[in-house]
Amino acid sequence: MFGRLGAPEILILLAVVLLLFGAKRLPEMARSFGQSLRILKSETKAMREDDADASHTGAQAPTPTPALQHAHDDRHTVPEASEADNAHRH
């Protein structure tokens, strides 16, 4: 269905985009889109290099230390209300 876009369909899409966003915003949007793609490309390249380095050295993912596990568990607990808070709630 969408695999066969010809020149007329592309021109119609461009005209609709131009009407929706305006001529002033299109260069700004294209610039930010290009920056996002560059960042994505550099991050994926860095991840591939990290994976390649890890596979060559035989290193495994670090396991969290008990202190980090404890800190992680504390974030999910609900703190108990103090007596002052309880007095205001009643």
PDB file of N, CA and C in Angstrom:
ATOM      1  N   MET A   1       0.825  -1.182   0.000  1.00  0.00           N
ATOM      2  CA  MET A   1       0.000   0.000   0.000  1.00  0.00           C
ATOM      3  C   MET A   1       0.874   1.253   0.000  1.00  0.00           C
ATOM      4  N   PHE A   2       1.841   1.349   0.941  1.00  0.00           N
ATOM      5  CA  PHE A   2       2.674   2.540   1.026  1.00  0.00           C
ATOM      6  C   PHE A   2       3.984   2.379   0.274  1.00  0.00           C
ATOM      7  N   GLY A   3       4.229   1.228  -0.300  1.00  0.00           N
ATOM      8  CA  GLY A   3       5.496   0.950  -0.949  1.00  0.00           C
ATOM      9  C   GLY A   3       5.688   1.652  -2.281  1.00  0.00           C
ATOM     10  N   ARG A   4       4.631   2.128  -2.891  1.00  0.00           N
ATOM     11  CA  ARG A   4       4.745   2.716  -4.224  1.00  0.00           C
ATOM     12  C   ARG A   4       4.369   4.196  -4.215  1.00  0.00           C
ATOM     13  N   LEU A   5       5.206   4.995  -3.590  1.00  0.00           N
ATOM     14  CA  LEU A   5       4.986   6.435  -3.603  1.00  0.00           C
ATOM     15  C   LEU A   5       5.685   7.015  -4.822  1.00  0.00           C
ATOM     16  N   GLY A   6       4.917   7.668  -5.651  1.00  0.00           N
ATOM     17  CA  GLY A   6       5.484   8.304  -6.831  1.00  0.00           C
ATOM     18  C   GLY A   6       5.715   9.774  -6.580  1.00  0.00           C
ATOM     19  N   ALA A   7       6.131  10.470  -7.613  1.00  0.00           N
ATOM     20  CA  ALA A   7       6.406  11.904  -7.513  1.00  0.00           C
ATOM     21  C   ALA A   7       5.161  12.708  -7.115  1.00  0.00           C
ATOM     22  N   PRO A   8       3.978  12.432  -7.675  1.00  0.00           N
ATOM     23  CA  PRO A   8       2.804  13.222  -7.273  1.00  0.00           C
ATOM     24  C   PRO A   8       2.456  13.056  -5.785  1.00  0.00           C
ATOM     25  N   GLU A   9       2.570  11.823  -5.271  1.00  0.00           N
ATOM     26  CA  GLU A   9       2.252  11.594  -3.868  1.00  0.00           C
ATOM     27  C   GLU A   9       3.244  12.297  -2.947  1.00  0.00           C
ATOM     28  N   ILE A  10       4.516  12.269  -3.311  1.00  0.00           N
ATOM     29  CA  ILE A  10       5.542  12.931  -2.508  1.00  0.00           C
ATOM     30  C   ILE A  10       5.327  14.443  -2.513  1.00  0.00           C
ATOM     31  N   LEU A  11       4.968  15.008  -3.666  1.00  0.00           N
ATOM     32  CA  LEU A  11       4.703  16.443  -3.742  1.00  0.00           C
ATOM     33  C   LEU A  11       3.502  16.831  -2.885  1.00  0.00           C
ATOM     34  N   ILE A  12       2.477  16.004  -2.884  1.00  0.00           N
ATOM     35  CA  ILE A  12       1.301  16.276  -2.057  1.00  0.00           C
ATOM     36  C   ILE A  12       1.673  16.226  -0.577  1.00  0.00           C
ATOM     37  N   LEU A  13       2.462  15.233  -0.187  1.00  0.00           N
ATOM     38  CA  LEU A  13       2.905  15.139   1.205  1.00  0.00           C
ATOM     39  C   LEU A  13       3.733  16.357   1.613  1.00  0.00           C
ATOM     40  N   LEU A  14       4.631  16.787   0.745  1.00  0.00           N
ATOM     41  CA  LEU A  14       5.444  17.965   1.040  1.00  0.00           C
ATOM     42  C   LEU A  14       4.586  19.219   1.170  1.00  0.00           C
ATOM     43  N   ALA A  15       3.570  19.348   0.320  1.00  0.00           N
ATOM     44  CA  ALA A  15       2.678  20.501   0.394  1.00  0.00           C
ATOM     45  C   ALA A  15       1.890  20.498   1.700  1.00  0.00           C
ATOM     46  N   VAL A  16       1.433  19.333   2.129  1.00  0.00           N
ATOM     47  CA  VAL A  16       0.682  19.233   3.384  1.00  0.00           C
ATOM     48  C   VAL A  16       1.590  19.590   4.563  1.00  0.00           C
ATOM     49  N   VAL A  17       2.820  19.079   4.563  1.00  0.00           N
ATOM     50  CA  VAL A  17       3.771  19.390   5.632  1.00  0.00           C
ATOM     51  C   VAL A  17       4.058  20.890   5.657  1.00  0.00           C
ATOM     52  N   LEU A  18       4.224  21.485   4.499  1.00  0.00           N
ATOM     53  CA  LEU A  18       4.483  22.917   4.409  1.00  0.00           C
ATOM     54  C   LEU A  18       3.310  23.727   4.961  1.00  0.00           C
ATOM     55  N   LEU A  19       2.096  23.308   4.647  1.00  0.00           N
ATOM     56  CA  LEU A  19       0.917  24.001   5.158  1.00  0.00           C
ATOM     57  C   LEU A  19       0.755  23.832   6.671  1.00  0.00           C
ATOM     58  N   LEU A  20       1.074  22.647   7.171  1.00  0.00           N
ATOM     59  CA  LEU A  20       0.919  22.393   8.601  1.00  0.00           C
ATOM     60  C   LEU A  20       1.933  23.148   9.448  1.00  0.00           C
ATOM     61  N   PHE A  21       3.192  23.133   9.036  1.00  0.00           N
ATOM     62  CA  PHE A  21       4.248  23.671   9.883  1.00  0.00           C
ATOM     63  C   PHE A  21       4.735  25.052   9.455  1.00  0.00           C
ATOM     64  N   GLY A  22       4.503  25.458   8.245  1.00  0.00           N
ATOM     65  CA  GLY A  22       4.946  26.764   7.781  1.00  0.00           C
ATOM     66  C   GLY A  22       6.373  26.733   7.272  1.00  0.00           C
ATOM     67  N   ALA A  23       6.689  27.673   6.418  1.00  0.00           N
ATOM     68  CA  ALA A  23       7.999  27.708   5.773  1.00  0.00           C
ATOM     69  C   ALA A  23       9.107  28.099   6.742  1.00  0.00           C
ATOM     70  N   LYS A  24       8.784  28.844   7.790  1.00  0.00           N
ATOM     71  CA  LYS A  24       9.813  29.282   8.734  1.00  0.00           C
ATOM     72  C   LYS A  24      10.282  28.156   9.646  1.00  0.00           C
ATOM     73  N   ARG A  25       9.400  27.251   9.981  1.00  0.00           N
ATOM     74  CA  ARG A  25       9.751  26.185  10.922  1.00  0.00           C
ATOM     75  C   ARG A  25      10.400  24.993  10.253  1.00  0.00           C
ATOM     76  N   LEU A  26      10.224  24.805   8.960  1.00  0.00           N
ATOM     77  CA  LEU A  26      10.767  23.625   8.294  1.00  0.00           C
ATOM     78  C   LEU A  26      12.287  23.533   8.387  1.00  0.00           C
ATOM     79  N   PRO A  27      13.059  24.601   8.119  1.00  0.00           N
ATOM     80  CA  PRO A  27      14.525  24.471   8.261  1.00  0.00           C
ATOM     81  C   PRO A  27      14.951  24.146   9.693  1.00  0.00           C
ATOM     82  N   GLU A  28      14.261  24.734  10.655  1.00  0.00           N
ATOM     83  CA  GLU A  28      14.576  24.446  12.060  1.00  0.00           C
ATOM     84  C   GLU A  28      14.297  22.986  12.390  1.00  0.00           C
ATOM     85  N   MET A  29      13.175  22.473  11.914  1.00  0.00           N
ATOM     86  CA  MET A  29      12.831  21.078  12.157  1.00  0.00           C
ATOM     87  C   MET A  29      13.804  20.137  11.463  1.00  0.00           C
ATOM     88  N   ALA A  30      14.204  20.459  10.236  1.00  0.00           N
ATOM     89  CA  ALA A  30      15.159  19.621   9.511  1.00  0.00           C
ATOM     90  C   ALA A  30      16.508  19.617  10.213  1.00  0.00           C
ATOM     91  N   ARG A  31      16.931  20.769  10.725  1.00  0.00           N
ATOM     92  CA  ARG A  31      18.208  20.870  11.425  1.00  0.00           C
ATOM     93  C   ARG A  31      18.183  20.023  12.700  1.00  0.00           C
ATOM     94  N   SER A  32      17.120  20.119  13.473  1.00  0.00           N
ATOM     95  CA  SER A  32      17.035  19.340  14.706  1.00  0.00           C
ATOM     96  C   SER A  32      16.918  17.850  14.406  1.00  0.00           C
ATOM     97  N   PHE A  33      16.249  17.502  13.329  1.00  0.00           N
ATOM     98  CA  PHE A  33      16.148  16.099  12.928  1.00  0.00           C
ATOM     99  C   PHE A  33      17.527  15.562  12.540  1.00  0.00           C
ATOM    100  N   GLY A  34      18.298  16.359  11.809  1.00  0.00           N
ATOM    101  CA  GLY A  34      19.651  15.951  11.427  1.00  0.00           C
ATOM    102  C   GLY A  34      20.558  15.786  12.634  1.00  0.00           C
ATOM    103  N   GLN A  35      20.447  16.692  13.612  1.00  0.00           N
ATOM    104  CA  GLN A  35      21.240  16.566  14.838  1.00  0.00           C
ATOM    105  C   GLN A  35      20.855  15.312  15.606  1.00  0.00           C
ATOM    106  N   SER A  36      19.576  15.013  15.652  1.00  0.00           N
ATOM    107  CA  SER A  36      19.117  13.809  16.341  1.00  0.00           C
ATOM    108  C   SER A  36      19.664  12.557  15.666  1.00  0.00           C
ATOM    109  N   LEU A  37      19.657  12.549  14.340  1.00  0.00           N
ATOM    110  CA  LEU A  37      20.203  11.399  13.629  1.00  0.00           C
ATOM    111  C   LEU A  37      21.693  11.237  13.868  1.00  0.00           C
ATOM    112  N   ARG A  38      22.440  12.362  13.912  1.00  0.00           N
ATOM    113  CA  ARG A  38      23.876  12.284  14.183  1.00  0.00           C
ATOM    114  C   ARG A  38      24.144  11.731  15.577  1.00  0.00           C
ATOM    115  N   ILE A  39      23.370  12.171  16.556  1.00  0.00           N
ATOM    116  CA  ILE A  39      23.532  11.680  17.921  1.00  0.00           C
ATOM    117  C   ILE A  39      23.209  10.193  17.988  1.00  0.00           C
ATOM    118  N   LEU A  40      22.116   9.790  17.355  1.00  0.00           N
ATOM    119  CA  LEU A  40      21.734   8.383  17.333  1.00  0.00           C
ATOM    120  C   LEU A  40      22.826   7.540  16.684  1.00  0.00           C
ATOM    121  N   LYS A  41      23.379   8.020  15.579  1.00  0.00           N
ATOM    122  CA  LYS A  41      24.423   7.283  14.875  1.00  0.00           C
ATOM    123  C   LYS A  41      25.665   7.143  15.752  1.00  0.00           C
ATOM    124  N   SER A  42      26.070   8.216  16.417  1.00  0.00           N
ATOM    125  CA  SER A  42      27.267   8.145  17.259  1.00  0.00           C
ATOM    126  C   SER A  42      27.046   7.237  18.462  1.00  0.00           C
ATOM    127  N   GLU A  43      25.852   7.254  19.032  1.00  0.00           N
ATOM    128  CA  GLU A  43      25.568   6.397  20.181  1.00  0.00           C
ATOM    129  C   GLU A  43      25.533   4.929  19.782  1.00  0.00           C
ATOM    130  N   THR A  44      24.935   4.612  18.641  1.00  0.00           N
ATOM    131  CA  THR A  44      24.913   3.219  18.204  1.00  0.00           C
ATOM    132  C   THR A  44      26.320   2.739  17.865  1.00  0.00           C
ATOM    133  N   LYS A  45      27.139   3.622  17.302  1.00  0.00           N
ATOM    134  CA  LYS A  45      28.531   3.266  17.010  1.00  0.00           C
ATOM    135  C   LYS A  45      29.282   2.981  18.306  1.00  0.00           C
ATOM    136  N   ALA A  46      29.079   3.814  19.321  1.00  0.00           N
ATOM    137  CA  ALA A  46      29.742   3.612  20.610  1.00  0.00           C
ATOM    138  C   ALA A  46      29.276   2.307  21.260  1.00  0.00           C
ATOM    139  N   MET A  47      27.991   2.001  21.145  1.00  0.00           N
ATOM    140  CA  MET A  47      27.485   0.743  21.711  1.00  0.00           C
ATOM    141  C   MET A  47      28.087  -0.452  20.995  1.00  0.00           C
ATOM    142  N   ARG A  48      28.202  -0.390  19.682  1.00  0.00           N
ATOM    143  CA  ARG A  48      28.822  -1.486  18.936  1.00  0.00           C
ATOM    144  C   ARG A  48      30.276  -1.667  19.342  1.00  0.00           C
ATOM    145  N   GLU A  49      31.000  -0.557  19.506  1.00  0.00           N
ATOM    146  CA  GLU A  49      32.399  -0.643  19.913  1.00  0.00           C
ATOM    147  C   GLU A  49      32.528  -1.218  21.315  1.00  0.00           C
ATOM    148  N   ASP A  50      31.626  -0.831  22.220  1.00  0.00           N
ATOM    149  CA  ASP A  50      31.641  -1.380  23.574  1.00  0.00           C
ATOM    150  C   ASP A  50      31.369  -2.875  23.556  1.00  0.00           C
ATOM    151  N   ASP A  51      30.404  -3.293  22.740  1.00  0.00           N
ATOM    152  CA  ASP A  51      30.091  -4.714  22.631  1.00  0.00           C
ATOM    153  C   ASP A  51      31.267  -5.487  22.049  1.00  0.00           C
ATOM    154  N   ALA A  52      31.912  -4.904  21.045  1.00  0.00           N
ATOM    155  CA  ALA A  52      33.056  -5.565  20.428  1.00  0.00           C
ATOM    156  C   ALA A  52      34.210  -5.675  21.420  1.00  0.00           C
ATOM    157  N   ASP A  53      34.450  -4.619  22.198  1.00  0.00           N
ATOM    158  CA  ASP A  53      35.515  -4.656  23.204  1.00  0.00           C
ATOM    159  C   ASP A  53      35.214  -5.693  24.277  1.00  0.00           C
ATOM    160  N   ALA A  54      33.970  -5.772  24.697  1.00  0.00           N
ATOM    161  CA  ALA A  54      33.587  -6.725  25.733  1.00  0.00           C
ATOM    162  C   ALA A  54      33.714  -8.151  25.234  1.00  0.00           C
ATOM    163  N   SER A  55      33.381  -8.390  23.980  1.00  0.00           N
ATOM    164  CA  SER A  55      33.478  -9.750  23.456  1.00  0.00           C
ATOM    165  C   SER A  55      34.929 -10.157  23.221  1.00  0.00           C
ATOM    166  N   HIS A  56      35.796  -9.206  22.905  1.00  0.00           N
ATOM    167  CA  HIS A  56      37.213  -9.520  22.697  1.00  0.00           C
ATOM    168  C   HIS A  56      37.926  -9.781  24.014  1.00  0.00           C
ATOM    169  N   THR A  57      37.556  -9.064  25.057  1.00  0.00           N
ATOM    170  CA  THR A  57      38.225  -9.232  26.343  1.00  0.00           C
ATOM    171  C   THR A  57      37.578 -10.315  27.185  1.00  0.00           C
ATOM    172  N   GLY A  58      36.402 -10.755  26.791  1.00  0.00           N
ATOM    173  CA  GLY A  58      35.698 -11.780  27.558  1.00  0.00           C
ATOM    174  C   GLY A  58      35.073 -11.219  28.811  1.00  0.00           C
ATOM    175  N   ALA A  59      34.960  -9.914  28.887  1.00  0.00           N
ATOM    176  CA  ALA A  59      34.383  -9.276  30.073  1.00  0.00           C
ATOM    177  C   ALA A  59      32.870  -9.463  30.073  1.00  0.00           C
ATOM    178  N   GLN A  60      32.344  -9.590  31.278  1.00  0.00           N
ATOM    179  CA  GLN A  60      30.904  -9.704  31.424  1.00  0.00           C
ATOM    180  C   GLN A  60      30.371  -8.418  32.014  1.00  0.00           C
ATOM    181  N   ALA A  61      29.079  -8.270  31.948  1.00  0.00           N
ATOM    182  CA  ALA A  61      28.455  -7.085  32.523  1.00  0.00           C
ATOM    183  C   ALA A  61      28.687  -7.085  34.029  1.00  0.00           C
ATOM    184  N   PRO A  62      29.021  -5.945  34.592  1.00  0.00           N
ATOM    185  CA  PRO A  62      29.276  -5.907  36.037  1.00  0.00           C
ATOM    186  C   PRO A  62      28.004  -6.177  36.815  1.00  0.00           C
ATOM    187  N   THR A  63      28.169  -6.917  37.912  1.00  0.00           N
ATOM    188  CA  THR A  63      27.021  -7.185  38.774  1.00  0.00           C
ATOM    189  C   THR A  63      26.952  -6.089  39.822  1.00  0.00           C
ATOM    190  N   PRO A  64      25.757  -5.681  40.195  1.00  0.00           N
ATOM    191  CA  PRO A  64      25.647  -4.603  41.178  1.00  0.00           C
ATOM    192  C   PRO A  64      26.144  -5.059  42.541  1.00  0.00           C
ATOM    193  N   THR A  65      26.753  -4.160  43.258  1.00  0.00           N
ATOM    194  CA  THR A  65      27.227  -4.453  44.604  1.00  0.00           C
ATOM    195  C   THR A  65      26.046  -4.461  45.551  1.00  0.00           C
ATOM    196  N   PRO A  66      26.177  -5.099  46.706  1.00  0.00           N
ATOM    197  CA  PRO A  66      25.050  -5.127  47.650  1.00  0.00           C
ATOM    198  C   PRO A  66      24.581  -3.730  48.056  1.00  0.00           C
ATOM    199  N   ALA A  67      25.506  -2.777  48.162  1.00  0.00           N
ATOM    200  CA  ALA A  67      25.094  -1.419  48.546  1.00  0.00           C
ATOM    201  C   ALA A  67      24.198  -0.815  47.472  1.00  0.00           C
ATOM    202  N   LEU A  68      24.523  -1.058  46.206  1.00  0.00           N
ATOM    203  CA  LEU A  68      23.690  -0.527  45.124  1.00  0.00           C
ATOM    204  C   LEU A  68      22.342  -1.230  45.086  1.00  0.00           C
ATOM    205  N   GLN A  69      22.331  -2.532  45.347  1.00  0.00           N
ATOM    206  CA  GLN A  69      21.061  -3.239  45.365  1.00  0.00           C
ATOM    207  C   GLN A  69      20.178  -2.709  46.483  1.00  0.00           C
ATOM    208  N   HIS A  70      20.779  -2.435  47.639  1.00  0.00           N
ATOM    209  CA  HIS A  70      20.014  -1.911  48.762  1.00  0.00           C
ATOM    210  C   HIS A  70      19.459  -0.530  48.429  1.00  0.00           C
ATOM    211  N   ALA A  71      20.262   0.323  47.807  1.00  0.00           N
ATOM    212  CA  ALA A  71      19.792   1.660  47.443  1.00  0.00           C
ATOM    213  C   ALA A  71      18.663   1.564  46.433  1.00  0.00           C
ATOM    214  N   HIS A  72      18.762   0.602  45.517  1.00  0.00           N
ATOM    215  CA  HIS A  72      17.720   0.424  44.513  1.00  0.00           C
ATOM    216  C   HIS A  72      16.418  -0.023  45.179  1.00  0.00           C
ATOM    217  N   ASP A  73      16.512  -0.914  46.159  1.00  0.00           N
ATOM    218  CA  ASP A  73      15.327  -1.401  46.840  1.00  0.00           C
ATOM    219  C   ASP A  73      14.659  -0.302  47.658  1.00  0.00           C
ATOM    220  N   ASP A  74      15.451   0.613  48.232  1.00  0.00           N
ATOM    221  CA  ASP A  74      14.897   1.680  49.062  1.00  0.00           C
ATOM    222  C   ASP A  74      14.046   2.651  48.263  1.00  0.00           C
ATOM    223  N   ARG A  75      14.325   2.801  46.981  1.00  0.00           N
ATOM    224  CA  ARG A  75      13.563   3.765  46.187  1.00  0.00           C
ATOM    225  C   ARG A  75      12.122   3.338  46.021  1.00  0.00           C
ATOM    226  N   HIS A  76      11.866   2.046  46.109  1.00  0.00           N
ATOM    227  CA  HIS A  76      10.519   1.549  45.841  1.00  0.00           C
ATOM    228  C   HIS A  76       9.674   1.422  47.097  1.00  0.00           C
ATOM    229  N   THR A  77      10.244   1.720  48.261  1.00  0.00           N
ATOM    230  CA  THR A  77       9.460   1.643  49.482  1.00  0.00           C
ATOM    231  C   THR A  77       8.817   2.988  49.747  1.00  0.00           C
ATOM    232  N   VAL A  78       7.673   2.944  50.380  1.00  0.00           N
ATOM    233  CA  VAL A  78       6.942   4.162  50.709  1.00  0.00           C
ATOM    234  C   VAL A  78       7.368   4.591  52.103  1.00  0.00           C
ATOM    235  N   PRO A  79       7.829   5.834  52.260  1.00  0.00           N
ATOM    236  CA  PRO A  79       8.241   6.275  53.593  1.00  0.00           C
ATOM    237  C   PRO A  79       7.029   6.365  54.524  1.00  0.00           C
ATOM    238  N   GLU A  80       7.282   6.037  55.777  1.00  0.00           N
ATOM    239  CA  GLU A  80       6.199   6.108  56.750  1.00  0.00           C
ATOM    240  C   GLU A  80       5.909   7.561  57.090  1.00  0.00           C
ATOM    241  N   ALA A  81       4.662   7.848  57.328  1.00  0.00           N
ATOM    242  CA  ALA A  81       4.258   9.215  57.653  1.00  0.00           C
ATOM    243  C   ALA A  81       4.647   9.523  59.094  1.00  0.00           C
ATOM    244  N   SER A  82       5.094  10.721  59.319  1.00  0.00           N
ATOM    245  CA  SER A  82       5.454  11.132  60.674  1.00  0.00           C
ATOM    246  C   SER A  82       4.190  11.476  61.445  1.00  0.00           C
ATOM    247  N   GLU A  83       4.352  11.646  62.757  1.00  0.00           N
ATOM    248  CA  GLU A  83       3.193  11.987  63.589  1.00  0.00           C
ATOM    249  C   GLU A  83       2.614  13.336  63.210  1.00  0.00           C
ATOM    250  N   ALA A  84       3.474  14.275  62.800  1.00  0.00           N
ATOM    251  CA  ALA A  84       2.988  15.595  62.401  1.00  0.00           C
ATOM    252  C   ALA A  84       2.129  15.487  61.142  1.00  0.00           C
ATOM    253  N   ASP A  85       2.536  14.628  60.212  1.00  0.00           N
ATOM    254  CA  ASP A  85       1.741  14.439  59.005  1.00  0.00           C
ATOM    255  C   ASP A  85       0.394  13.817  59.326  1.00  0.00           C
ATOM    256  N   ASN A  86       0.397  12.855  60.248  1.00  0.00           N
ATOM    257  CA  ASN A  86      -0.859  12.208  60.627  1.00  0.00           C
ATOM    258  C   ASN A  86      -1.801  13.186  61.304  1.00  0.00           C
ATOM    259  N   ALA A  87      -1.269  14.128  62.081  1.00  0.00           N
ATOM    260  CA  ALA A  87      -2.120  15.114  62.772  1.00  0.00           C
ATOM    261  C   ALA A  87      -2.787  16.031  61.748  1.00  0.00           C
ATOM    262  N   HIS A  88      -2.084  16.382  60.679  1.00  0.00           N
ATOM    263  CA  HIS A  88      -2.660  17.245  59.658  1.00  0.00           C
ATOM    264  C   HIS A  88      -3.687  16.532  58.794  1.00  0.00           C
ATOM    265  N   ARG A  89      -3.588  15.243  58.701  1.00  0.00           N
ATOM    266  CA  ARG A  89      -4.501  14.487  57.843  1.00  0.00           C
ATOM    267  C   ARG A  89      -5.855  14.283  58.509  1.00  0.00           C
ATOM    268  N   HIS A  90      -5.905  14.333  59.839  1.00  0.00           N
ATOM    269  CA  HIS A  90      -7.174  14.064  60.527  1.00  0.00           C
ATOM    270  C   HIS A  90      -7.964  15.282  60.716  1.00  0.00           C
TER     271      HIS A  90
END
